PDB file of N, CA and C in Angstrom:
ATOM      1  N   MET A   1       0.841  -1.172   0.000  1.00  0.00           N
ATOM      2  CA  MET A   1       0.000   0.000   0.000  1.00  0.00           C
ATOM      3  C   MET A   1       0.888   1.238   0.000  1.00  0.00           C
ATOM      4  N   LYS A   2       0.548   2.175  -0.786  1.00  0.00           N
ATOM      5  CA  LYS A   2       1.341   3.382  -0.922  1.00  0.00           C
ATOM      6  C   LYS A   2       0.861   4.438   0.083  1.00  0.00           C
ATOM      7  N   LEU A   3       1.810   5.061   0.766  1.00  0.00           N
ATOM      8  CA  LEU A   3       1.473   6.105   1.723  1.00  0.00           C
ATOM      9  C   LEU A   3       1.576   7.468   1.055  1.00  0.00           C
ATOM     10  N   LYS A   4       0.658   8.318   1.392  1.00  0.00           N
ATOM     11  CA  LYS A   4       0.678   9.672   0.853  1.00  0.00           C
ATOM     12  C   LYS A   4       1.442  10.575   1.806  1.00  0.00           C
ATOM     13  N   GLY A   5       1.858  11.704   1.334  1.00  0.00           N
ATOM     14  CA  GLY A   5       2.648  12.632   2.131  1.00  0.00           C
ATOM     15  C   GLY A   5       1.877  13.247   3.284  1.00  0.00           C
ATOM     16  N   SER A   6       0.575  13.284   3.228  1.00  0.00           N
ATOM     17  CA  SER A   6      -0.202  13.928   4.282  1.00  0.00           C
ATOM     18  C   SER A   6      -0.627  12.955   5.384  1.00  0.00           C
ATOM     19  N   PHE A   7      -0.196  11.705   5.313  1.00  0.00           N
ATOM     20  CA  PHE A   7      -0.593  10.722   6.322  1.00  0.00           C
ATOM     21  C   PHE A   7       0.198  10.945   7.600  1.00  0.00           C
ATOM     22  N   ASP A   8      -0.499  10.945   8.739  1.00  0.00           N
ATOM     23  CA  ASP A   8       0.151  11.118  10.034  1.00  0.00           C
ATOM     24  C   ASP A   8      -0.375  10.055  10.975  1.00  0.00           C
ATOM     25  N   ALA A   9       0.506   9.169  11.434  1.00  0.00           N
ATOM     26  CA  ALA A   9       0.092   8.064  12.293  1.00  0.00           C
ATOM     27  C   ALA A   9      -0.311   8.545  13.685  1.00  0.00           C
ATOM     28  N   LYS A  10       0.151   9.697  14.096  1.00  0.00           N
ATOM     29  CA  LYS A  10      -0.189  10.203  15.426  1.00  0.00           C
ATOM     30  C   LYS A  10      -1.669  10.533  15.560  1.00  0.00           C
ATOM     31  N   ARG A  11      -2.312  10.819  14.442  1.00  0.00           N
ATOM     32  CA  ARG A  11      -3.745  11.119  14.500  1.00  0.00           C
ATOM     33  C   ARG A  11      -4.574   9.890  14.827  1.00  0.00           C
ATOM     34  N   LEU A  12      -4.026   8.701  14.584  1.00  0.00           N
ATOM     35  CA  LEU A  12      -4.782   7.473  14.838  1.00  0.00           C
ATOM     36  C   LEU A  12      -4.842   7.123  16.320  1.00  0.00           C
ATOM     37  N   ARG A  13      -3.856   7.576  17.075  1.00  0.00           N
ATOM     38  CA  ARG A  13      -3.819   7.268  18.504  1.00  0.00           C
ATOM     39  C   ARG A  13      -4.599   8.329  19.274  1.00  0.00           C
ATOM     40  N   PRO A  14      -5.326   7.900  20.309  1.00  0.00           N
ATOM     41  CA  PRO A  14      -6.036   8.905  21.117  1.00  0.00           C
ATOM     42  C   PRO A  14      -5.046   9.711  21.951  1.00  0.00           C
ATOM     43  N   ARG A  15      -5.323  10.986  22.104  1.00  0.00           N
ATOM     44  CA  ARG A  15      -4.463  11.849  22.918  1.00  0.00           C
ATOM     45  C   ARG A  15      -4.724  11.607  24.386  1.00  0.00           C
ATOM     46  N   GLU A  16      -3.653  11.521  25.134  1.00  0.00           N
ATOM     47  CA  GLU A  16      -3.787  11.360  26.577  1.00  0.00           C
ATOM     48  C   GLU A  16      -3.963  12.733  27.215  1.00  0.00           C
ATOM     49  N   PRO A  17      -4.759  12.818  28.251  1.00  0.00           N
ATOM     50  CA  PRO A  17      -4.913  14.116  28.914  1.00  0.00           C
ATOM     51  C   PRO A  17      -3.618  14.513  29.627  1.00  0.00           C
ATOM     52  N   ARG A  18      -3.370  15.783  29.670  1.00  0.00           N
ATOM     53  CA  ARG A  18      -2.170  16.285  30.348  1.00  0.00           C
ATOM     54  C   ARG A  18      -2.343  16.133  31.850  1.00  0.00           C
ATOM     55  N   ASN A  19      -1.252  15.843  32.509  1.00  0.00           N
ATOM     56  CA  ASN A  19      -1.290  15.575  33.944  1.00  0.00           C
ATOM     57  C   ASN A  19      -0.596  16.714  34.689  1.00  0.00           C
ATOM     58  N   TRP A  20      -1.224  17.897  34.666  1.00  0.00           N
ATOM     59  CA  TRP A  20      -0.620  19.064  35.289  1.00  0.00           C
ATOM     60  C   TRP A  20      -0.601  18.974  36.804  1.00  0.00           C
ATOM     61  N   GLY A  21      -1.571  18.291  37.377  1.00  0.00           N
ATOM     62  CA  GLY A  21      -1.609  18.164  38.834  1.00  0.00           C
ATOM     63  C   GLY A  21      -0.390  17.430  39.367  1.00  0.00           C
ATOM     64  N   ALA A  22      -0.002  16.370  38.688  1.00  0.00           N
ATOM     65  CA  ALA A  22       1.177  15.612  39.119  1.00  0.00           C
ATOM     66  C   ALA A  22       2.453  16.421  38.907  1.00  0.00           C
ATOM     67  N   ARG A  23       2.489  17.229  37.851  1.00  0.00           N
ATOM     68  CA  ARG A  23       3.676  18.064  37.620  1.00  0.00           C
ATOM     69  C   ARG A  23       3.814  19.137  38.680  1.00  0.00           C
ATOM     70  N   ILE A  24       2.714  19.759  39.035  1.00  0.00           N
ATOM     71  CA  ILE A  24       2.754  20.782  40.090  1.00  0.00           C
ATOM     72  C   ILE A  24       3.118  20.144  41.426  1.00  0.00           C
ATOM     73  N   ALA A  25       2.566  18.961  41.694  1.00  0.00           N
ATOM     74  CA  ALA A  25       2.908  18.262  42.934  1.00  0.00           C
ATOM     75  C   ALA A  25       4.386  17.892  42.971  1.00  0.00           C
ATOM     76  N   ALA A  26       4.956  17.494  41.839  1.00  0.00           N
ATOM     77  CA  ALA A  26       6.379  17.166  41.790  1.00  0.00           C
ATOM     78  C   ALA A  26       7.224  18.410  42.067  1.00  0.00           C
ATOM     79  N   GLY A  27       6.827  19.539  41.513  1.00  0.00           N
ATOM     80  CA  GLY A  27       7.568  20.774  41.765  1.00  0.00           C
ATOM     81  C   GLY A  27       7.490  21.228  43.210  1.00  0.00           C
ATOM     82  N   LEU A  28       6.292  21.162  43.786  1.00  0.00           N
ATOM     83  CA  LEU A  28       6.138  21.559  45.197  1.00  0.00           C
ATOM     84  C   LEU A  28       6.875  20.610  46.136  1.00  0.00           C
ATOM     85  N   SER A  29       6.854  19.328  45.824  1.00  0.00           N
ATOM     86  CA  SER A  29       7.562  18.382  46.688  1.00  0.00           C
ATOM     87  C   SER A  29       9.068  18.566  46.572  1.00  0.00           C
ATOM     88  N   ALA A  30       9.569  18.959  45.403  1.00  0.00           N
ATOM     89  CA  ALA A  30      10.998  19.265  45.281  1.00  0.00           C
ATOM     90  C   ALA A  30      11.355  20.494  46.110  1.00  0.00           C
ATOM     91  N   LEU A  31      10.467  21.483  46.146  1.00  0.00           N
ATOM     92  CA  LEU A  31      10.699  22.658  46.991  1.00  0.00           C
ATOM     93  C   LEU A  31      10.673  22.294  48.475  1.00  0.00           C
ATOM     94  N   ILE A  32       9.766  21.407  48.860  1.00  0.00           N
ATOM     95  CA  ILE A  32       9.699  20.959  50.259  1.00  0.00           C
ATOM     96  C   ILE A  32      10.982  20.223  50.634  1.00  0.00           C
ATOM     97  N   ALA A  33      11.476  19.366  49.731  1.00  0.00           N
ATOM     98  CA  ALA A  33      12.712  18.639  50.009  1.00  0.00           C
ATOM     99  C   ALA A  33      13.897  19.599  50.113  1.00  0.00           C
ATOM    100  N   THR A  34      13.933  20.625  49.271  1.00  0.00           N
ATOM    101  CA  THR A  34      15.011  21.607  49.337  1.00  0.00           C
ATOM    102  C   THR A  34      14.960  22.381  50.643  1.00  0.00           C
ATOM    103  N   LEU A  35      13.772  22.765  51.058  1.00  0.00           N
ATOM    104  CA  LEU A  35      13.622  23.453  52.343  1.00  0.00           C
ATOM    105  C   LEU A  35      14.061  22.552  53.492  1.00  0.00           C
ATOM    106  N   GLY A  36      13.745  21.258  53.385  1.00  0.00           N
ATOM    107  CA  GLY A  36      14.167  20.310  54.406  1.00  0.00           C
ATOM    108  C   GLY A  36      15.676  20.206  54.493  1.00  0.00           C
ATOM    109  N   VAL A  37      16.346  20.176  53.348  1.00  0.00           N
ATOM    110  CA  VAL A  37      17.815  20.111  53.355  1.00  0.00           C
ATOM    111  C   VAL A  37      18.396  21.367  54.000  1.00  0.00           C
ATOM    112  N   LEU A  38      17.854  22.524  53.650  1.00  0.00           N
ATOM    113  CA  LEU A  38      18.371  23.769  54.208  1.00  0.00           C
ATOM    114  C   LEU A  38      18.144  23.851  55.721  1.00  0.00           C
ATOM    115  N   LEU A  39      16.964  23.437  56.173  1.00  0.00           N
ATOM    116  CA  LEU A  39      16.703  23.458  57.616  1.00  0.00           C
ATOM    117  C   LEU A  39      17.584  22.457  58.356  1.00  0.00           C
ATOM    118  N   ALA A  40      17.782  21.286  57.781  1.00  0.00           N
ATOM    119  CA  ALA A  40      18.639  20.292  58.427  1.00  0.00           C
ATOM    120  C   ALA A  40      20.076  20.793  58.519  1.00  0.00           C
ATOM    121  N   MET A  41      20.544  21.435  57.458  1.00  0.00           N
ATOM    122  CA  MET A  41      21.902  21.979  57.492  1.00  0.00           C
ATOM    123  C   MET A  41      22.030  23.086  58.531  1.00  0.00           C
ATOM    124  N   ALA A  42      21.016  23.936  58.645  1.00  0.00           N
ATOM    125  CA  ALA A  42      21.052  25.006  59.648  1.00  0.00           C
ATOM    126  C   ALA A  42      21.011  24.427  61.057  1.00  0.00           C
ATOM    127  N   GLY A  43      20.187  23.400  61.263  1.00  0.00           N
ATOM    128  CA  GLY A  43      20.118  22.789  62.587  1.00  0.00           C
ATOM    129  C   GLY A  43      21.408  22.098  62.990  1.00  0.00           C
ATOM    130  N   VAL A  44      22.029  21.389  62.060  1.00  0.00           N
ATOM    131  CA  VAL A  44      23.288  20.702  62.372  1.00  0.00           C
ATOM    132  C   VAL A  44      24.397  21.718  62.604  1.00  0.00           C
ATOM    133  N   SER A  45      24.430  22.770  61.805  1.00  0.00           N
ATOM    134  CA  SER A  45      25.458  23.791  62.028  1.00  0.00           C
ATOM    135  C   SER A  45      25.218  24.526  63.349  1.00  0.00           C
ATOM    136  N   GLY A  46      23.968  24.663  63.753  1.00  0.00           N
ATOM    137  CA  GLY A  46      23.681  25.256  65.062  1.00  0.00           C
ATOM    138  C   GLY A  46      24.115  24.342  66.196  1.00  0.00           C
ATOM    139  N   LEU A  47      23.999  23.037  65.998  1.00  0.00           N
ATOM    140  CA  LEU A  47      24.469  22.095  67.020  1.00  0.00           C
ATOM    141  C   LEU A  47      25.994  22.082  67.110  1.00  0.00           C
ATOM    142  N   LEU A  48      26.661  22.256  65.973  1.00  0.00           N
ATOM    143  CA  LEU A  48      28.126  22.270  65.971  1.00  0.00           C
ATOM    144  C   LEU A  48      28.677  23.570  66.524  1.00  0.00           C
ATOM    145  N   GLY A  49      27.939  24.653  66.377  1.00  0.00           N
ATOM    146  CA  GLY A  49      28.354  25.952  66.894  1.00  0.00           C
ATOM    147  C   GLY A  49      29.396  26.611  66.014  1.00  0.00           C
ATOM    148  N   ASN A  50      30.009  27.689  66.538  1.00  0.00           N
ATOM    149  CA  ASN A  50      31.096  28.414  65.882  1.00  0.00           C
ATOM    150  C   ASN A  50      30.678  29.146  64.615  1.00  0.00           C
ATOM    151  N   TYR A  51      29.410  29.416  64.404  1.00  0.00           N
ATOM    152  CA  TYR A  51      28.960  30.172  63.245  1.00  0.00           C
ATOM    153  C   TYR A  51      28.259  31.431  63.738  1.00  0.00           C
ATOM    154  N   ALA A  52      28.813  32.569  63.390  1.00  0.00           N
ATOM    155  CA  ALA A  52      28.281  33.838  63.902  1.00  0.00           C
ATOM    156  C   ALA A  52      26.910  34.151  63.327  1.00  0.00           C
ATOM    157  N   ALA A  53      26.607  33.673  62.135  1.00  0.00           N
ATOM    158  CA  ALA A  53      25.324  33.978  61.512  1.00  0.00           C
ATOM    159  C   ALA A  53      24.168  33.270  62.220  1.00  0.00           C
ATOM    160  N   LEU A  54      24.454  32.193  62.909  1.00  0.00           N
ATOM    161  CA  LEU A  54      23.406  31.431  63.605  1.00  0.00           C
ATOM    162  C   LEU A  54      23.547  31.589  65.121  1.00  0.00           C
ATOM    163  N   ALA A  55      23.562  32.824  65.587  1.00  0.00           N
ATOM    164  CA  ALA A  55      23.800  33.091  67.003  1.00  0.00           C
ATOM    165  C   ALA A  55      22.709  32.494  67.890  1.00  0.00           C
ATOM    166  N   ASP A  56      21.462  32.567  67.458  1.00  0.00           N
ATOM    167  CA  ASP A  56      20.367  32.030  68.270  1.00  0.00           C
ATOM    168  C   ASP A  56      20.436  30.511  68.366  1.00  0.00           C
ATOM    169  N   LEU A  57      20.797  29.874  67.280  1.00  0.00           N
ATOM    170  CA  LEU A  57      20.887  28.412  67.304  1.00  0.00           C
ATOM    171  C   LEU A  57      22.128  27.926  68.037  1.00  0.00           C
ATOM    172  N   ASN A  58      23.193  28.746  68.059  1.00  0.00           N
ATOM    173  CA  ASN A  58      24.400  28.354  68.782  1.00  0.00           C
ATOM    174  C   ASN A  58      24.161  28.322  70.283  1.00  0.00           C
ATOM    175  N   THR A  59      23.377  29.264  70.788  1.00  0.00           N
ATOM    176  CA  THR A  59      23.149  29.344  72.228  1.00  0.00           C
ATOM    177  C   THR A  59      22.028  28.423  72.694  1.00  0.00           C
ATOM    178  N   ASN A  60      21.114  28.074  71.833  1.00  0.00           N
ATOM    179  CA  ASN A  60      19.953  27.280  72.211  1.00  0.00           C
ATOM    180  C   ASN A  60      20.025  25.907  71.526  1.00  0.00           C
ATOM    181  N   ARG A  61      20.596  24.939  72.227  1.00  0.00           N
ATOM    182  CA  ARG A  61      20.770  23.595  71.654  1.00  0.00           C
ATOM    183  C   ARG A  61      19.445  22.872  71.380  1.00  0.00           C
ATOM    184  N   PRO A  62      18.458  22.945  72.266  1.00  0.00           N
ATOM    185  CA  PRO A  62      17.182  22.272  71.941  1.00  0.00           C
ATOM    186  C   PRO A  62      16.522  22.834  70.681  1.00  0.00           C
ATOM    187  N   LEU A  63      16.605  24.139  70.478  1.00  0.00           N
ATOM    188  CA  LEU A  63      16.045  24.734  69.278  1.00  0.00           C
ATOM    189  C   LEU A  63      16.788  24.243  68.032  1.00  0.00           C
ATOM    190  N   ALA A  64      18.095  24.134  68.120  1.00  0.00           N
ATOM    191  CA  ALA A  64      18.880  23.653  66.979  1.00  0.00           C
ATOM    192  C   ALA A  64      18.539  22.203  66.651  1.00  0.00           C
ATOM    193  N   SER A  65      18.336  21.382  67.679  1.00  0.00           N
ATOM    194  CA  SER A  65      17.981  19.984  67.412  1.00  0.00           C
ATOM    195  C   SER A  65      16.575  19.873  66.830  1.00  0.00           C
ATOM    196  N   ILE A  66      15.654  20.722  67.281  1.00  0.00           N
ATOM    197  CA  ILE A  66      14.295  20.716  66.721  1.00  0.00           C
ATOM    198  C   ILE A  66      14.327  21.154  65.256  1.00  0.00           C
ATOM    199  N   VAL A  67      15.122  22.179  64.935  1.00  0.00           N
ATOM    200  CA  VAL A  67      15.230  22.641  63.550  1.00  0.00           C
ATOM    201  C   VAL A  67      15.823  21.542  62.673  1.00  0.00           C
ATOM    202  N   ALA A  68      16.823  20.822  63.180  1.00  0.00           N
ATOM    203  CA  ALA A  68      17.431  19.732  62.412  1.00  0.00           C
ATOM    204  C   ALA A  68      16.426  18.603  62.188  1.00  0.00           C
ATOM    205  N   LEU A  69      15.652  18.254  63.206  1.00  0.00           N
ATOM    206  CA  LEU A  69      14.666  17.187  63.053  1.00  0.00           C
ATOM    207  C   LEU A  69      13.531  17.580  62.105  1.00  0.00           C
ATOM    208  N   VAL A  70      13.084  18.823  62.195  1.00  0.00           N
ATOM    209  CA  VAL A  70      12.047  19.292  61.284  1.00  0.00           C
ATOM    210  C   VAL A  70      12.572  19.301  59.846  1.00  0.00           C
ATOM    211  N   GLY A  71      13.825  19.679  59.677  1.00  0.00           N
ATOM    212  CA  GLY A  71      14.432  19.661  58.352  1.00  0.00           C
ATOM    213  C   GLY A  71      14.514  18.254  57.781  1.00  0.00           C
ATOM    214  N   LEU A  72      14.909  17.288  58.603  1.00  0.00           N
ATOM    215  CA  LEU A  72      14.968  15.896  58.136  1.00  0.00           C
ATOM    216  C   LEU A  72      13.580  15.357  57.826  1.00  0.00           C
ATOM    217  N   LEU A  73      12.597  15.738  58.621  1.00  0.00           N
ATOM    218  CA  LEU A  73      11.222  15.308  58.370  1.00  0.00           C
ATOM    219  C   LEU A  73      10.700  15.897  57.058  1.00  0.00           C
ATOM    220  N   LEU A  74      10.975  17.180  56.820  1.00  0.00           N
ATOM    221  CA  LEU A  74      10.551  17.801  55.556  1.00  0.00           C
ATOM    222  C   LEU A  74      11.270  17.187  54.358  1.00  0.00           C
ATOM    223  N   LEU A  75      12.541  16.836  54.542  1.00  0.00           N
ATOM    224  CA  LEU A  75      13.274  16.177  53.463  1.00  0.00           C
ATOM    225  C   LEU A  75      12.659  14.826  53.139  1.00  0.00           C
ATOM    226  N   TYR A  76      12.340  14.047  54.158  1.00  0.00           N
ATOM    227  CA  TYR A  76      11.720  12.740  53.949  1.00  0.00           C
ATOM    228  C   TYR A  76      10.353  12.892  53.276  1.00  0.00           C
ATOM    229  N   LEU A  77       9.556  13.826  53.764  1.00  0.00           N
ATOM    230  CA  LEU A  77       8.228  14.051  53.198  1.00  0.00           C
ATOM    231  C   LEU A  77       8.312  14.520  51.745  1.00  0.00           C
ATOM    232  N   GLY A  78       9.244  15.417  51.451  1.00  0.00           N
ATOM    233  CA  GLY A  78       9.402  15.910  50.092  1.00  0.00           C
ATOM    234  C   GLY A  78       9.827  14.823  49.118  1.00  0.00           C
ATOM    235  N   VAL A  79      10.747  13.953  49.554  1.00  0.00           N
ATOM    236  CA  VAL A  79      11.192  12.862  48.678  1.00  0.00           C
ATOM    237  C   VAL A  79      10.073  11.867  48.446  1.00  0.00           C
ATOM    238  N   ARG A  80       9.307  11.555  49.480  1.00  0.00           N
ATOM    239  CA  ARG A  80       8.168  10.631  49.315  1.00  0.00           C
ATOM    240  C   ARG A  80       7.122  11.185  48.350  1.00  0.00           C
ATOM    241  N   LEU A  81       6.768  12.445  48.528  1.00  0.00           N
ATOM    242  CA  LEU A  81       5.777  13.061  47.642  1.00  0.00           C
ATOM    243  C   LEU A  81       6.301  13.155  46.208  1.00  0.00           C
ATOM    244  N   TRP A  82       7.583  13.460  46.054  1.00  0.00           N
ATOM    245  CA  TRP A  82       8.157  13.562  44.719  1.00  0.00           C
ATOM    246  C   TRP A  82       8.121  12.207  44.012  1.00  0.00           C
ATOM    247  N   ARG A  83       8.445  11.149  44.733  1.00  0.00           N
ATOM    248  CA  ARG A  83       8.418   9.815  44.123  1.00  0.00           C
ATOM    249  C   ARG A  83       6.998   9.407  43.738  1.00  0.00           C
ATOM    250  N   ARG A  84       6.015   9.714  44.583  1.00  0.00           N
ATOM    251  CA  ARG A  84       4.628   9.374  44.256  1.00  0.00           C
ATOM    252  C   ARG A  84       4.122  10.157  43.058  1.00  0.00           C
ATOM    253  N   SER A  85       4.499  11.427  42.965  1.00  0.00           N
ATOM    254  CA  SER A  85       4.049  12.214  41.821  1.00  0.00           C
ATOM    255  C   SER A  85       4.745  11.764  40.538  1.00  0.00           C
ATOM    256  N   ARG A  86       6.004  11.346  40.610  1.00  0.00           N
ATOM    257  CA  ARG A  86       6.687  10.825  39.422  1.00  0.00           C
ATOM    258  C   ARG A  86       6.056   9.518  38.958  1.00  0.00           C
ATOM    259  N   ILE A  87       5.614   8.700  39.896  1.00  0.00           N
ATOM    260  CA  ILE A  87       4.925   7.463  39.522  1.00  0.00           C
ATOM    261  C   ILE A  87       3.611   7.796  38.826  1.00  0.00           C
ATOM    262  N   ARG A  88       2.884   8.789  39.343  1.00  0.00           N
ATOM    263  CA  ARG A  88       1.632   9.197  38.701  1.00  0.00           C
ATOM    264  C   ARG A  88       1.860   9.762  37.314  1.00  0.00           C
ATOM    265  N   LEU A  89       2.979  10.463  37.116  1.00  0.00           N
ATOM    266  CA  LEU A  89       3.278  11.010  35.799  1.00  0.00           C
ATOM    267  C   LEU A  89       3.574   9.904  34.788  1.00  0.00           C
ATOM    268  N   ARG A  90       4.226   8.851  35.207  1.00  0.00           N
ATOM    269  CA  ARG A  90       4.616   7.781  34.292  1.00  0.00           C
ATOM    270  C   ARG A  90       3.551   6.721  34.113  1.00  0.00           C
ATOM    271  N   ARG A  91       2.571   6.683  34.979  1.00  0.00           N
ATOM    272  CA  ARG A  91       1.564   5.629  34.940  1.00  0.00           C
ATOM    273  C   ARG A  91       0.723   5.669  33.671  1.00  0.00           C
ATOM    274  N   GLY A  92       0.512   6.822  33.083  1.00  0.00           N
ATOM    275  CA  GLY A  92      -0.337   6.935  31.914  1.00  0.00           C
ATOM    276  C   GLY A  92       0.226   6.263  30.678  1.00  0.00           C
ATOM    277  N   ARG A  93       1.540   6.017  30.638  1.00  0.00           N
ATOM    278  CA  ARG A  93       2.145   5.428  29.458  1.00  0.00           C
ATOM    279  C   ARG A  93       2.207   3.908  29.521  1.00  0.00           C
ATOM    280  N   GLU A  94       1.803   3.317  30.616  1.00  0.00           N
ATOM    281  CA  GLU A  94       1.884   1.870  30.755  1.00  0.00           C
ATOM    282  C   GLU A  94       0.652   1.200  30.163  1.00  0.00           C
ATOM    283  N   LEU A  95       0.789  -0.087  29.901  1.00  0.00           N
ATOM    284  CA  LEU A  95      -0.341  -0.875  29.445  1.00  0.00           C
ATOM    285  C   LEU A  95      -1.209  -1.252  30.634  1.00  0.00           C
ATOM    286  N   ASN A  96      -2.491  -1.285  30.434  1.00  0.00           N
ATOM    287  CA  ASN A  96      -3.402  -1.683  31.488  1.00  0.00           C
ATOM    288  C   ASN A  96      -3.689  -3.181  31.373  1.00  0.00           C
ATOM    289  N   MET A  97      -2.737  -3.972  31.779  1.00  0.00           N
ATOM    290  CA  MET A  97      -2.880  -5.424  31.715  1.00  0.00           C
ATOM    291  C   MET A  97      -2.734  -6.001  33.107  1.00  0.00           C
ATOM    292  N   SER A  98      -3.340  -7.138  33.315  1.00  0.00           N
ATOM    293  CA  SER A  98      -3.192  -7.823  34.589  1.00  0.00           C
ATOM    294  C   SER A  98      -1.768  -8.325  34.738  1.00  0.00           C
ATOM    295  N   PRO A  99      -1.267  -8.364  35.968  1.00  0.00           N
ATOM    296  CA  PRO A  99       0.112  -8.815  36.157  1.00  0.00           C
ATOM    297  C   PRO A  99       0.343 -10.263  35.717  1.00  0.00           C
ATOM    298  N   HIS A 100      -0.677 -11.115  35.797  1.00  0.00           N
ATOM    299  CA  HIS A 100      -0.453 -12.514  35.427  1.00  0.00           C
ATOM    300  C   HIS A 100      -0.391 -12.704  33.914  1.00  0.00           C
ATOM    301  N   LEU A 101      -0.766 -11.685  33.136  1.00  0.00           N
ATOM    302  CA  LEU A 101      -0.669 -11.786  31.682  1.00  0.00           C
ATOM    303  C   LEU A 101       0.687 -11.311  31.165  1.00  0.00           C
ATOM    304  N   MET A 102       1.440 -10.638  31.994  1.00  0.00           N
ATOM    305  CA  MET A 102       2.737 -10.122  31.567  1.00  0.00           C
ATOM    306  C   MET A 102       3.773 -11.234  31.532  1.00  0.00           C
ATOM    307  N   LYS A 103       4.889 -11.006  30.844  1.00  0.00           N
ATOM    308  CA  LYS A 103       5.958 -12.002  30.764  1.00  0.00           C
ATOM    309  C   LYS A 103       6.633 -12.138  32.117  1.00  0.00           C
ATOM    310  N   LYS A 104       7.096 -13.309  32.383  1.00  0.00           N
ATOM    311  CA  LYS A 104       7.840 -13.553  33.622  1.00  0.00           C
ATOM    312  C   LYS A 104       9.302 -13.217  33.368  1.00  0.00           C
ATOM    313  N   HIS A 105       9.877 -12.378  34.229  1.00  0.00           N
ATOM    314  CA  HIS A 105      11.293 -12.028  34.125  1.00  0.00           C
ATOM    315  C   HIS A 105      12.010 -12.632  35.313  1.00  0.00           C
ATOM    316  N   ASP A 106      12.436 -13.881  35.170  1.00  0.00           N
ATOM    317  CA  ASP A 106      13.125 -14.572  36.274  1.00  0.00           C
ATOM    318  C   ASP A 106      14.607 -14.459  36.162  1.00  0.00           C
TER     319      ASP A 106
END
């Protein structure tokens, strides 16, 4: 069969809806993880002391440990949310088949 120049195979496939919600969630979770890293670094540097810029954290050890723990918690939460949103972004390209119908990769 001869193909004409105006034939486009992409028109035969249905368009998938854009997944902007997952993209926005991935961006926000990356920001949360970045904030967590910064808070954890500030808390650890406050626990170590000797930094003039962190005078309040140098004198108050419980506050520095709380800031470090909150930073680690935000980092963990941001990474978890980022991974879930990346899975949601990639899920649309997979086949919707039952697992028992797929090939076994032993």
